[in-house]
């Protein structure tokens, strides 16, 4: 792929439109993605208690 700095304004706008369309498709799926680590369970907390 050509570097962004080497693309014309029209090519960049076309690329942007395509990426925005892809983003809207993914957003429309309504996924609830939580990439955070889970909360420790009571058993895990009890391991760290004295």
PDB file of N, CA and C in Angstrom:
ATOM      1  N   UNK A   1       0.836  -1.171   0.000  1.00  0.00           N
ATOM      2  CA  UNK A   1       0.000   0.000   0.000  1.00  0.00           C
ATOM      3  C   UNK A   1       0.886   1.241   0.000  1.00  0.00           C
ATOM      4  N   UNK A   2       0.448   2.243  -0.693  1.00  0.00           N
ATOM      5  CA  UNK A   2       1.164   3.499  -0.770  1.00  0.00           C
ATOM      6  C   UNK A   2       1.053   4.245   0.556  1.00  0.00           C
ATOM      7  N   UNK A   3       2.130   4.936   0.926  1.00  0.00           N
ATOM      8  CA  UNK A   3       2.113   5.723   2.162  1.00  0.00           C
ATOM      9  C   UNK A   3       1.081   6.839   2.033  1.00  0.00           C
ATOM     10  N   UNK A   4       0.448   7.165   3.148  1.00  0.00           N
ATOM     11  CA  UNK A   4      -0.577   8.208   3.135  1.00  0.00           C
ATOM     12  C   UNK A   4      -0.031   9.525   2.601  1.00  0.00           C
ATOM     13  N   UNK A   5       1.221   9.836   2.927  1.00  0.00           N
ATOM     14  CA  UNK A   5       1.797  11.106   2.500  1.00  0.00           C
ATOM     15  C   UNK A   5       1.943  11.199   0.990  1.00  0.00           C
ATOM     16  N   UNK A   6       1.931  10.050   0.318  1.00  0.00           N
ATOM     17  CA  UNK A   6       2.093  10.026  -1.133  1.00  0.00           C
ATOM     18  C   UNK A   6       0.758  10.019  -1.884  1.00  0.00           C
ATOM     19  N   UNK A   7      -0.361   9.925  -1.163  1.00  0.00           N
ATOM     20  CA  UNK A   7      -1.674   9.903  -1.798  1.00  0.00           C
ATOM     21  C   UNK A   7      -2.174  11.321  -2.052  1.00  0.00           C
ATOM     22  N   UNK A   8      -2.974  11.447  -3.099  1.00  0.00           N
ATOM     23  CA  UNK A   8      -3.585  12.747  -3.393  1.00  0.00           C
ATOM     24  C   UNK A   8      -4.744  12.993  -2.432  1.00  0.00           C
ATOM     25  N   UNK A   9      -5.217  14.217  -2.392  1.00  0.00           N
ATOM     26  CA  UNK A   9      -6.337  14.558  -1.510  1.00  0.00           C
ATOM     27  C   UNK A   9      -7.561  13.723  -1.866  1.00  0.00           C
ATOM     28  N   UNK A  10      -7.816  13.531  -3.151  1.00  0.00           N
ATOM     29  CA  UNK A  10      -8.968  12.740  -3.587  1.00  0.00           C
ATOM     30  C   UNK A  10      -8.848  11.294  -3.120  1.00  0.00           C
ATOM     31  N   UNK A  11      -7.640  10.737  -3.233  1.00  0.00           N
ATOM     32  CA  UNK A  11      -7.424   9.356  -2.804  1.00  0.00           C
ATOM     33  C   UNK A  11      -7.620   9.221  -1.291  1.00  0.00           C
ATOM     34  N   UNK A  12      -7.133  10.210  -0.548  1.00  0.00           N
ATOM     35  CA  UNK A  12      -7.306  10.180   0.903  1.00  0.00           C
ATOM     36  C   UNK A  12      -8.775  10.272   1.284  1.00  0.00           C
ATOM     37  N   UNK A  13      -9.529  11.127   0.602  1.00  0.00           N
ATOM     38  CA  UNK A  13     -10.954  11.264   0.888  1.00  0.00           C
ATOM     39  C   UNK A  13     -11.709   9.981   0.562  1.00  0.00           C
ATOM     40  N   UNK A  14     -11.315   9.325  -0.527  1.00  0.00           N
ATOM     41  CA  UNK A  14     -11.939   8.053  -0.910  1.00  0.00           C
ATOM     42  C   UNK A  14     -11.641   6.985   0.138  1.00  0.00           C
ATOM     43  N   UNK A  15     -10.399   6.934   0.585  1.00  0.00           N
ATOM     44  CA  UNK A  15     -10.000   5.979   1.615  1.00  0.00           C
ATOM     45  C   UNK A  15     -10.763   6.250   2.908  1.00  0.00           C
ATOM     46  N   UNK A  16     -10.878   7.513   3.269  1.00  0.00           N
ATOM     47  CA  UNK A  16     -11.610   7.899   4.480  1.00  0.00           C
ATOM     48  C   UNK A  16     -13.067   7.466   4.393  1.00  0.00           C
ATOM     49  N   UNK A  17     -13.692   7.663   3.253  1.00  0.00           N
ATOM     50  CA  UNK A  17     -15.092   7.266   3.076  1.00  0.00           C
ATOM     51  C   UNK A  17     -15.259   5.761   3.260  1.00  0.00           C
ATOM     52  N   UNK A  18     -14.350   4.998   2.688  1.00  0.00           N
ATOM     53  CA  UNK A  18     -14.410   3.545   2.824  1.00  0.00           C
ATOM     54  C   UNK A  18     -14.245   3.102   4.268  1.00  0.00           C
ATOM     55  N   UNK A  19     -13.309   3.725   4.984  1.00  0.00           N
ATOM     56  CA  UNK A  19     -13.083   3.368   6.383  1.00  0.00           C
ATOM     57  C   UNK A  19     -14.270   3.765   7.252  1.00  0.00           C
ATOM     58  N   UNK A  20     -14.869   4.911   6.968  1.00  0.00           N
ATOM     59  CA  UNK A  20     -16.045   5.327   7.724  1.00  0.00           C
ATOM     60  C   UNK A  20     -17.210   4.365   7.493  1.00  0.00           C
ATOM     61  N   UNK A  21     -17.348   3.885   6.264  1.00  0.00           N
ATOM     62  CA  UNK A  21     -18.415   2.929   5.953  1.00  0.00           C
ATOM     63  C   UNK A  21     -18.196   1.622   6.719  1.00  0.00           C
ATOM     64  N   UNK A  22     -16.943   1.151   6.751  1.00  0.00           N
ATOM     65  CA  UNK A  22     -16.626  -0.071   7.499  1.00  0.00           C
ATOM     66  C   UNK A  22     -16.917   0.125   8.981  1.00  0.00           C
ATOM     67  N   UNK A  23     -16.553   1.286   9.503  1.00  0.00           N
ATOM     68  CA  UNK A  23     -16.789   1.589  10.914  1.00  0.00           C
ATOM     69  C   UNK A  23     -18.279   1.567  11.225  1.00  0.00           C
ATOM     70  N   UNK A  24     -19.081   2.149  10.368  1.00  0.00           N
ATOM     71  CA  UNK A  24     -20.534   2.172  10.585  1.00  0.00           C
ATOM     72  C   UNK A  24     -21.123   0.765  10.544  1.00  0.00           C
ATOM     73  N   UNK A  25     -20.596  -0.100   9.672  1.00  0.00           N
ATOM     74  CA  UNK A  25     -21.052  -1.487   9.617  1.00  0.00           C
ATOM     75  C   UNK A  25     -20.791  -2.203  10.936  1.00  0.00           C
ATOM     76  N   UNK A  26     -19.595  -2.012  11.475  1.00  0.00           N
ATOM     77  CA  UNK A  26     -19.240  -2.657  12.737  1.00  0.00           C
ATOM     78  C   UNK A  26     -20.085  -2.081  13.869  1.00  0.00           C
ATOM     79  N   UNK A  27     -20.247  -0.757  13.876  1.00  0.00           N
ATOM     80  CA  UNK A  27     -21.059  -0.112  14.906  1.00  0.00           C
ATOM     81  C   UNK A  27     -22.500  -0.609  14.873  1.00  0.00           C
ATOM     82  N   UNK A  28     -23.019  -0.857  13.677  1.00  0.00           N
ATOM     83  CA  UNK A  28     -24.407  -1.292  13.517  1.00  0.00           C
ATOM     84  C   UNK A  28     -24.645  -2.684  14.109  1.00  0.00           C
ATOM     85  N   UNK A  29     -23.591  -3.450  14.293  1.00  0.00           N
ATOM     86  CA  UNK A  29     -23.742  -4.782  14.876  1.00  0.00           C
ATOM     87  C   UNK A  29     -24.093  -4.704  16.356  1.00  0.00           C
ATOM     88  N   UNK A  30     -23.857  -3.549  16.972  1.00  0.00           N
ATOM     89  CA  UNK A  30     -24.229  -3.351  18.368  1.00  0.00           C
ATOM     90  C   UNK A  30     -23.482  -4.239  19.351  1.00  0.00           C
ATOM     91  N   UNK A  31     -22.254  -4.571  19.037  1.00  0.00           N
ATOM     92  CA  UNK A  31     -21.467  -5.431  19.913  1.00  0.00           C
ATOM     93  C   UNK A  31     -21.095  -4.697  21.188  1.00  0.00           C
ATOM     94  N   UNK A  32     -21.086  -5.422  22.285  1.00  0.00           N
ATOM     95  CA  UNK A  32     -20.671  -4.869  23.579  1.00  0.00           C
ATOM     96  C   UNK A  32     -19.362  -5.563  23.957  1.00  0.00           C
ATOM     97  N   UNK A  33     -18.266  -5.007  23.498  1.00  0.00           N
ATOM     98  CA  UNK A  33     -16.958  -5.611  23.737  1.00  0.00           C
ATOM     99  C   UNK A  33     -16.298  -4.951  24.936  1.00  0.00           C
ATOM    100  N   UNK A  34     -16.018  -5.733  25.957  1.00  0.00           N
ATOM    101  CA  UNK A  34     -15.351  -5.234  27.145  1.00  0.00           C
ATOM    102  C   UNK A  34     -13.997  -5.917  27.223  1.00  0.00           C
ATOM    103  N   UNK A  35     -12.945  -5.179  26.950  1.00  0.00           N
ATOM    104  CA  UNK A  35     -11.603  -5.752  26.923  1.00  0.00           C
ATOM    105  C   UNK A  35     -10.900  -5.618  28.273  1.00  0.00           C
ATOM    106  N   UNK A  36     -11.594  -5.084  29.257  1.00  0.00           N
ATOM    107  CA  UNK A  36     -10.982  -4.924  30.574  1.00  0.00           C
ATOM    108  C   UNK A  36     -10.893  -6.279  31.269  1.00  0.00           C
ATOM    109  N   UNK A  37     -10.013  -6.328  32.207  1.00  0.00           N
ATOM    110  CA  UNK A  37      -9.899  -7.559  32.994  1.00  0.00           C
ATOM    111  C   UNK A  37     -11.084  -7.651  33.925  1.00  0.00           C
ATOM    112  N   UNK A  38     -11.506  -8.852  34.215  1.00  0.00           N
ATOM    113  CA  UNK A  38     -12.655  -9.061  35.074  1.00  0.00           C
ATOM    114  C   UNK A  38     -12.369  -8.746  36.532  1.00  0.00           C
ATOM    115  N   UNK A  39     -13.415  -8.621  37.291  1.00  0.00           N
ATOM    116  CA  UNK A  39     -13.272  -8.396  38.730  1.00  0.00           C
ATOM    117  C   UNK A  39     -12.902  -9.718  39.381  1.00  0.00           C
ATOM    118  N   UNK A  40     -12.049  -9.657  40.392  1.00  0.00           N
ATOM    119  CA  UNK A  40     -11.672 -10.909  41.068  1.00  0.00           C
ATOM    120  C   UNK A  40     -12.861 -11.498  41.827  1.00  0.00           C
ATOM    121  N   UNK A  41     -12.893 -12.793  41.873  1.00  0.00           N
ATOM    122  CA  UNK A  41     -13.958 -13.474  42.623  1.00  0.00           C
ATOM    123  C   UNK A  41     -13.653 -13.396  44.114  1.00  0.00           C
ATOM    124  N   UNK A  42     -14.630 -13.756  44.917  1.00  0.00           N
ATOM    125  CA  UNK A  42     -14.451 -13.751  46.380  1.00  0.00           C
ATOM    126  C   UNK A  42     -13.301 -14.675  46.775  1.00  0.00           C
ATOM    127  N   UNK A  43     -13.181 -15.821  46.122  1.00  0.00           N
ATOM    128  CA  UNK A  43     -12.090 -16.756  46.436  1.00  0.00           C
ATOM    129  C   UNK A  43     -10.734 -16.129  46.151  1.00  0.00           C
ATOM    130  N   UNK A  44     -10.619 -15.395  45.057  1.00  0.00           N
ATOM    131  CA  UNK A  44      -9.354 -14.749  44.734  1.00  0.00           C
ATOM    132  C   UNK A  44      -9.020 -13.654  45.752  1.00  0.00           C
ATOM    133  N   UNK A  45     -10.043 -12.921  46.194  1.00  0.00           N
ATOM    134  CA  UNK A  45      -9.816 -11.880  47.192  1.00  0.00           C
ATOM    135  C   UNK A  45      -9.404 -12.491  48.527  1.00  0.00           C
ATOM    136  N   UNK A  46     -10.022 -13.614  48.878  1.00  0.00           N
ATOM    137  CA  UNK A  46      -9.684 -14.253  50.145  1.00  0.00           C
ATOM    138  C   UNK A  46      -8.241 -14.749  50.166  1.00  0.00           C
ATOM    139  N   UNK A  47      -7.669 -15.082  49.016  1.00  0.00           N
ATOM    140  CA  UNK A  47      -6.274 -15.520  48.960  1.00  0.00           C
ATOM    141  C   UNK A  47      -5.331 -14.410  49.398  1.00  0.00           C
ATOM    142  N   UNK A  48      -5.705 -13.163  49.135  1.00  0.00           N
ATOM    143  CA  UNK A  48      -4.817 -12.054  49.450  1.00  0.00           C
ATOM    144  C   UNK A  48      -5.050 -11.483  50.853  1.00  0.00           C
ATOM    145  N   UNK A  49      -6.059 -11.978  51.535  1.00  0.00           N
ATOM    146  CA  UNK A  49      -6.335 -11.513  52.902  1.00  0.00           C
ATOM    147  C   UNK A  49      -5.447 -12.274  53.889  1.00  0.00           C
ATOM    148  N   UNK A  50      -5.087 -11.624  54.962  1.00  0.00           N
ATOM    149  CA  UNK A  50      -4.183 -12.203  55.973  1.00  0.00           C
ATOM    150  C   UNK A  50      -4.751 -13.308  56.784  1.00  0.00           C
TER     151      UNK A  50
END
